[in-house]
Amino acid sequence: MSSLTESHLLCVYGFDEKNIFIGGAEGTVLRFDGDQWTKMETGGRWTIKQMWGTGPDNLYAVCTDGKILHFDGAEWKPEDTENFPPMSGIFGFSENEIYVGCRIGKIARYDGDSWKYMKVHSEVDVARLWGCKEGDLYAVGIDGLVLKLEGEDWNRLTFNSNAELYSIYGFGPDEMFIAGSDGAMYRFNGVEFTEMPTRTGNFILDVWGPSRDMVFAVGDEGMILFLDGDQWTPIESNTEEFLAAIWGPSDDNIYAVGDNGIIMHWDGEDWKEV
C-alpha cells in the first residue's frame, strides 16, 4: 500500500508528467508534481470515482455521494448543484461541455453555467462515458448498456450482451474498446461490436492506452492485460490488489491504482509499486 493512504484508489487522471491526480475513497486525492506525491484536502469523505478536466486549474471529480467536486488550482470545492444520484463517469470536450453519468440512467451536462439533466431513454446505471470531437459520444453501464448521444437525446444501441460494462476508451470514431464483468471485452468501430477473447473470468475495470499500439486493461486480483495485435495477453503486475484505473502521460510512464492505496508504475518494461 502507499505510504500516503490506505484508502481504495478508484481513478487516475492527469495532464502531463508533472500534473497527475489520483482519487479514491474517504475523500482521498493524491497529486504528483513530477518529484513527489502529496495528499490534498477535499473537504469531505467523498468517494471519488472518476476525474476529467481541461487543465490542472480546472479539474472535476464525480462522487458516489452525489456531488461533483471542482479544483481551481488552489482548492477543491463541491459544485453548487442538487444532489445527483451516485456518479461514476465524467467526460468533456471543453470547459463549457462536460457530461456526468449516474445511477438509474441519469446523465447531466454542464454548459459553462449550470448542470442539467438530459433526456435518456434508459433507466440502467451509467458507469463511464467517452467520445471524440470528430465522432460521437457514448456511455456504457450495467446490463450491456451502450448509449449514444443523438442530438439532445441519449438512445440505447442494440448490443447483445448482459455484461456489466465498466469502461469505454478509444482512439477515434472507428476504434473503441469496451470492458466489463467476467472478462468481457469488445472492440467497437462505431457500427459493429466485436467480442475479443481475454481468457479470464476476472472483472475488467478499466481500459486505456497512450496510443493505438499500446493498450492496457486492468482489473481484479492485480490483473493487467496488454493488447498484442488482436490478442489480450496477461503481463506480470507484481501485485494481487484489485486495480481500478489506469492512465499515463506517455508510453513509458503509466500509473495503475487500486485497493488499499496501491499505486503501480509502468516504466516501459515492468510494473512496479510506487
Protein backbone atom coordinates (compact mmCIF):
# COMPACT_ATOMS: atom_id res chain seq x y z
CA MET A 1 0.00 0.00 0.00
CA SER A 2 1.02 3.61 -0.45
CA SER A 3 2.64 5.42 2.47
CA LEU A 4 0.22 8.28 1.74
CA THR A 5 -3.05 6.39 2.15
CA GLU A 6 -4.63 3.04 2.88
CA SER A 7 -7.85 4.06 1.13
CA HIS A 8 -9.01 2.33 -2.02
CA LEU A 9 -7.93 4.31 -5.07
CA LEU A 10 -10.50 4.40 -7.86
CA CYS A 11 -9.30 6.78 -10.58
CA VAL A 12 -6.22 8.41 -12.04
CA TYR A 13 -6.11 11.36 -14.42
CA GLY A 14 -3.54 13.88 -15.49
CA PHE A 15 -2.28 16.41 -17.98
CA ASP A 16 1.47 15.74 -18.14
CA GLU A 17 4.21 14.10 -16.08
CA LYS A 18 4.09 16.95 -13.54
CA ASN A 19 0.34 17.10 -13.06
CA ILE A 20 -1.14 13.71 -12.15
CA PHE A 21 -4.13 13.25 -9.83
CA ILE A 22 -5.45 10.11 -8.13
CA GLY A 23 -8.87 9.92 -6.46
CA GLY A 24 -10.44 7.37 -4.16
CA ALA A 25 -12.46 6.59 -1.07
CA GLU A 26 -12.74 8.73 2.06
CA GLY A 27 -12.12 11.99 0.20
CA THR A 28 -8.69 10.87 -0.97
CA VAL A 29 -6.95 12.87 -3.70
CA LEU A 30 -3.23 12.47 -4.32
CA ARG A 31 -1.22 14.77 -6.59
CA PHE A 32 2.13 14.16 -8.28
CA ASP A 33 4.21 17.18 -9.31
CA GLY A 34 6.95 15.28 -11.09
CA ASP A 35 9.01 14.84 -7.94
CA GLN A 36 6.73 13.71 -5.13
CA TRP A 37 3.19 12.71 -4.24
CA THR A 38 1.19 14.85 -1.81
CA LYS A 39 -2.21 14.34 -0.25
CA MET A 40 -4.77 17.05 -1.00
CA GLU A 41 -7.59 18.32 1.20
CA THR A 42 -11.02 17.85 -0.42
CA GLY A 43 -13.30 18.97 2.41
CA GLY A 44 -15.21 15.74 2.87
CA ARG A 45 -15.15 11.96 2.93
CA TRP A 46 -16.29 11.67 -0.66
CA THR A 47 -15.86 8.50 -2.71
CA ILE A 48 -14.30 9.86 -5.89
CA LYS A 49 -14.93 7.61 -8.90
CA GLN A 50 -13.52 9.49 -11.89
CA MET A 51 -11.95 12.81 -12.93
CA TRP A 52 -11.83 14.93 -16.05
CA GLY A 53 -10.62 18.44 -16.76
CA THR A 54 -9.08 20.89 -19.20
CA GLY A 55 -6.03 21.63 -17.04
CA PRO A 56 -4.60 21.40 -13.51
CA ASP A 57 -6.53 24.56 -12.64
CA ASN A 58 -9.86 23.26 -13.96
CA LEU A 59 -10.42 19.67 -12.85
CA TYR A 60 -13.70 17.96 -11.97
CA ALA A 61 -14.33 14.82 -9.92
CA VAL A 62 -17.58 12.85 -9.63
CA CYS A 63 -18.54 11.05 -6.43
CA THR A 64 -20.83 8.26 -5.39
CA ASP A 65 -22.07 10.71 -2.74
CA GLY A 66 -23.97 12.60 -5.45
CA LYS A 67 -21.57 15.53 -5.53
CA ILE A 68 -19.36 16.98 -8.23
CA LEU A 69 -16.10 18.47 -6.95
CA HIS A 70 -14.11 21.16 -8.76
CA PHE A 71 -10.42 22.02 -8.37
CA ASP A 72 -9.47 25.54 -9.50
CA GLY A 73 -5.74 25.12 -8.99
CA ALA A 74 -5.92 26.17 -5.35
CA GLU A 75 -8.66 24.17 -3.63
CA TRP A 76 -11.36 21.56 -4.10
CA LYS A 77 -14.98 22.67 -3.68
CA PRO A 78 -18.35 20.97 -4.30
CA GLU A 79 -20.26 22.37 -7.25
CA ASP A 80 -23.43 24.27 -6.42
CA THR A 81 -25.87 21.60 -7.57
CA GLU A 82 -28.61 19.46 -6.18
CA ASN A 83 -27.55 16.03 -5.03
CA PHE A 84 -27.29 13.79 -8.09
CA PRO A 85 -27.66 10.01 -7.89
CA PRO A 86 -24.32 8.26 -7.27
CA MET A 87 -21.98 9.10 -10.14
CA SER A 88 -19.12 7.11 -11.64
CA GLY A 89 -18.42 8.65 -15.05
CA ILE A 90 -17.38 12.04 -16.40
CA PHE A 91 -16.18 13.19 -19.81
CA GLY A 92 -15.94 16.50 -21.58
CA PHE A 93 -14.96 18.20 -24.79
CA SER A 94 -14.27 21.66 -23.37
CA GLU A 95 -14.73 23.74 -20.24
CA ASN A 96 -18.27 24.50 -21.41
CA GLU A 97 -19.29 20.97 -22.45
CA ILE A 98 -18.96 18.31 -19.76
CA TYR A 99 -21.10 15.23 -19.12
CA VAL A 100 -21.56 13.10 -15.99
CA GLY A 101 -23.13 9.64 -15.77
CA CYS A 102 -25.13 8.43 -12.78
CA ARG A 103 -27.11 5.52 -11.50
CA ILE A 104 -30.69 4.88 -12.68
CA GLY A 105 -29.84 6.12 -16.17
CA LYS A 106 -29.26 9.77 -15.31
CA ILE A 107 -26.85 11.86 -17.40
CA ALA A 108 -26.27 15.57 -16.81
CA ARG A 109 -24.48 18.16 -18.94
CA TYR A 110 -22.58 21.27 -17.92
CA ASP A 111 -22.79 24.19 -20.38
CA GLY A 112 -20.43 26.54 -18.57
CA ASP A 113 -23.13 27.89 -16.27
CA SER A 114 -25.10 25.01 -14.78
CA TRP A 115 -25.56 21.23 -14.68
CA LYS A 116 -28.82 19.96 -16.20
CA TYR A 117 -30.27 16.52 -16.74
CA MET A 118 -30.58 15.28 -20.32
CA LYS A 119 -33.17 13.02 -21.90
CA VAL A 120 -32.01 9.41 -21.53
CA HIS A 121 -34.09 6.57 -22.94
CA SER A 122 -32.93 4.13 -20.26
CA GLU A 123 -33.05 3.69 -16.50
CA VAL A 124 -29.96 1.49 -16.35
CA ASP A 125 -26.95 2.60 -14.31
CA VAL A 126 -24.35 4.51 -16.34
CA ALA A 127 -20.72 3.72 -15.49
CA ARG A 128 -18.49 5.55 -17.99
CA LEU A 129 -18.55 7.99 -20.91
CA TRP A 130 -16.18 8.59 -23.81
CA GLY A 131 -16.23 10.35 -27.16
CA CYS A 132 -14.23 12.39 -29.62
CA LYS A 133 -14.91 15.64 -31.43
CA GLU A 134 -14.67 14.04 -34.86
CA GLY A 135 -17.10 11.30 -33.86
CA ASP A 136 -19.80 10.69 -31.29
CA LEU A 137 -20.26 10.50 -27.53
CA TYR A 138 -21.09 7.18 -25.87
CA ALA A 139 -21.95 5.91 -22.40
CA VAL A 140 -21.78 2.35 -21.05
CA GLY A 141 -23.21 0.69 -17.96
CA ILE A 142 -24.67 -2.43 -16.42
CA ASP A 143 -26.79 -4.97 -18.30
CA GLY A 144 -24.85 -4.46 -21.52
CA LEU A 145 -25.82 -0.80 -21.71
CA VAL A 146 -24.38 1.23 -24.58
CA LEU A 147 -25.89 4.67 -25.16
CA LYS A 148 -25.16 7.12 -27.98
CA LEU A 149 -25.84 10.85 -27.86
CA GLU A 150 -28.00 11.75 -30.84
CA GLY A 151 -28.95 15.40 -30.88
CA GLU A 152 -30.14 16.14 -27.36
CA ASP A 153 -31.22 12.54 -26.60
CA TRP A 154 -29.32 9.52 -25.34
CA ASN A 155 -30.52 6.41 -27.18
CA ARG A 156 -29.65 2.81 -26.40
CA LEU A 157 -27.83 0.87 -29.11
CA THR A 158 -28.69 -2.71 -29.93
CA PHE A 159 -25.96 -4.76 -28.30
CA ASN A 160 -26.25 -8.43 -27.44
CA SER A 161 -24.51 -8.60 -24.08
CA ASN A 162 -25.61 -8.96 -20.47
CA ALA A 163 -22.21 -7.96 -19.10
CA GLU A 164 -21.81 -5.13 -16.67
CA LEU A 165 -19.77 -2.63 -18.67
CA TYR A 166 -17.37 -0.52 -16.62
CA SER A 167 -15.12 1.21 -19.11
CA ILE A 168 -15.01 2.66 -22.61
CA TYR A 169 -11.99 4.24 -24.26
CA GLY A 170 -10.92 4.85 -27.82
CA PHE A 171 -8.61 6.49 -30.32
CA GLY A 172 -11.19 7.79 -32.79
CA PRO A 173 -14.72 7.25 -34.02
CA ASP A 174 -13.79 3.90 -35.58
CA GLU A 175 -11.76 2.33 -32.75
CA MET A 176 -13.10 1.99 -29.23
CA PHE A 177 -12.74 -0.64 -26.52
CA ILE A 178 -15.47 -1.54 -24.03
CA ALA A 179 -14.65 -3.69 -20.97
CA GLY A 180 -16.62 -5.21 -18.13
CA SER A 181 -17.54 -8.16 -15.96
CA ASP A 182 -16.36 -11.75 -16.35
CA GLY A 183 -13.54 -10.80 -18.71
CA ALA A 184 -15.85 -9.06 -21.19
CA MET A 185 -14.04 -7.02 -23.85
CA TYR A 186 -15.43 -5.63 -27.09
CA ARG A 187 -13.99 -3.65 -29.96
CA PHE A 188 -16.39 -1.11 -31.42
CA ASN A 189 -15.89 0.65 -34.75
CA GLY A 190 -18.91 2.93 -34.40
CA VAL A 191 -21.13 0.44 -36.23
CA GLU A 192 -20.34 -3.11 -35.12
CA PHE A 193 -19.30 -4.68 -31.82
CA THR A 194 -16.70 -7.45 -31.98
CA GLU A 195 -16.14 -9.62 -28.93
CA MET A 196 -12.46 -10.06 -28.06
CA PRO A 197 -11.22 -13.11 -26.12
CA THR A 198 -9.38 -12.28 -22.90
CA ARG A 199 -9.06 -15.79 -21.43
CA THR A 200 -10.04 -14.52 -17.99
CA GLY A 201 -13.18 -14.52 -15.89
CA ASN A 202 -11.97 -11.57 -13.82
CA PHE A 203 -13.79 -8.27 -13.97
CA ILE A 204 -12.02 -5.74 -16.19
CA LEU A 205 -12.49 -2.36 -14.53
CA ASP A 206 -10.65 -0.02 -16.88
CA VAL A 207 -9.14 0.02 -20.35
CA TRP A 208 -6.77 2.73 -21.58
CA GLY A 209 -3.68 3.31 -23.65
CA PRO A 210 -1.38 6.14 -24.75
CA SER A 211 -1.68 5.06 -28.39
CA ARG A 212 -3.30 2.51 -30.68
CA ASP A 213 -0.15 0.41 -30.41
CA MET A 214 -0.14 0.27 -26.61
CA VAL A 215 -3.41 -0.51 -24.84
CA PHE A 216 -3.77 -1.93 -21.32
CA ALA A 217 -6.70 -3.26 -19.30
CA VAL A 218 -6.73 -3.64 -15.51
CA GLY A 219 -8.99 -5.39 -13.04
CA ASP A 220 -9.45 -7.96 -10.31
CA GLU A 221 -6.58 -9.58 -8.41
CA GLY A 222 -3.87 -7.37 -9.89
CA MET A 223 -4.79 -8.31 -13.42
CA ILE A 224 -3.12 -6.32 -16.20
CA LEU A 225 -3.74 -7.24 -19.83
CA PHE A 226 -1.83 -5.93 -22.84
CA LEU A 227 -3.29 -5.79 -26.35
CA ASP A 228 -0.86 -7.55 -28.67
CA GLY A 229 -2.36 -7.20 -32.13
CA ASP A 230 -5.84 -8.64 -31.67
CA GLN A 231 -4.94 -10.72 -28.60
CA TRP A 232 -5.19 -9.68 -24.97
CA THR A 233 -2.20 -11.08 -23.09
CA PRO A 234 -1.70 -11.07 -19.30
CA ILE A 235 1.50 -9.43 -18.09
CA GLU A 236 3.07 -9.54 -14.64
CA SER A 237 1.70 -6.78 -12.41
CA ASN A 238 3.66 -7.66 -9.25
CA THR A 239 0.54 -7.20 -7.10
CA GLU A 240 -2.63 -9.07 -6.19
CA GLU A 241 -4.55 -5.94 -5.22
CA PHE A 242 -7.59 -5.15 -7.35
CA LEU A 243 -6.72 -2.43 -9.87
CA ALA A 244 -9.50 0.04 -10.70
CA ALA A 245 -7.99 2.58 -13.11
CA ILE A 246 -5.07 3.33 -15.41
CA TRP A 247 -3.62 6.46 -17.06
CA GLY A 248 -0.26 7.91 -18.01
CA PRO A 249 1.38 10.83 -19.85
CA SER A 250 3.48 8.61 -22.16
CA ASP A 251 4.08 5.01 -23.20
CA ASP A 252 6.88 4.59 -20.64
CA ASN A 253 5.21 6.48 -17.79
CA ILE A 254 1.85 4.94 -16.82
CA TYR A 255 0.10 4.51 -13.48
CA ALA A 256 -2.44 1.91 -12.34
CA VAL A 257 -4.20 2.37 -8.99
CA GLY A 258 -6.39 0.22 -6.81
CA ASP A 259 -7.26 -1.21 -3.42
CA ASN A 260 -5.52 -0.33 -0.17
CA GLY A 261 -3.69 2.65 -1.64
CA ILE A 262 -1.80 0.66 -4.26
CA ILE A 263 -0.08 2.71 -7.00
CA MET A 264 1.72 0.77 -9.71
CA HIS A 265 4.02 2.39 -12.27
CA TRP A 266 4.98 1.22 -15.77
CA ASP A 267 8.39 2.42 -16.96
CA GLY A 268 8.19 0.87 -20.39
CA GLU A 269 9.46 -2.53 -19.27
CA ASP A 270 7.94 -3.55 -15.91
CA TRP A 271 5.17 -2.70 -13.46
CA LYS A 272 6.50 -1.74 -10.04
CA GLU A 273 4.81 -0.43 -6.91
CA VAL A 274 5.39 3.26 -6.24
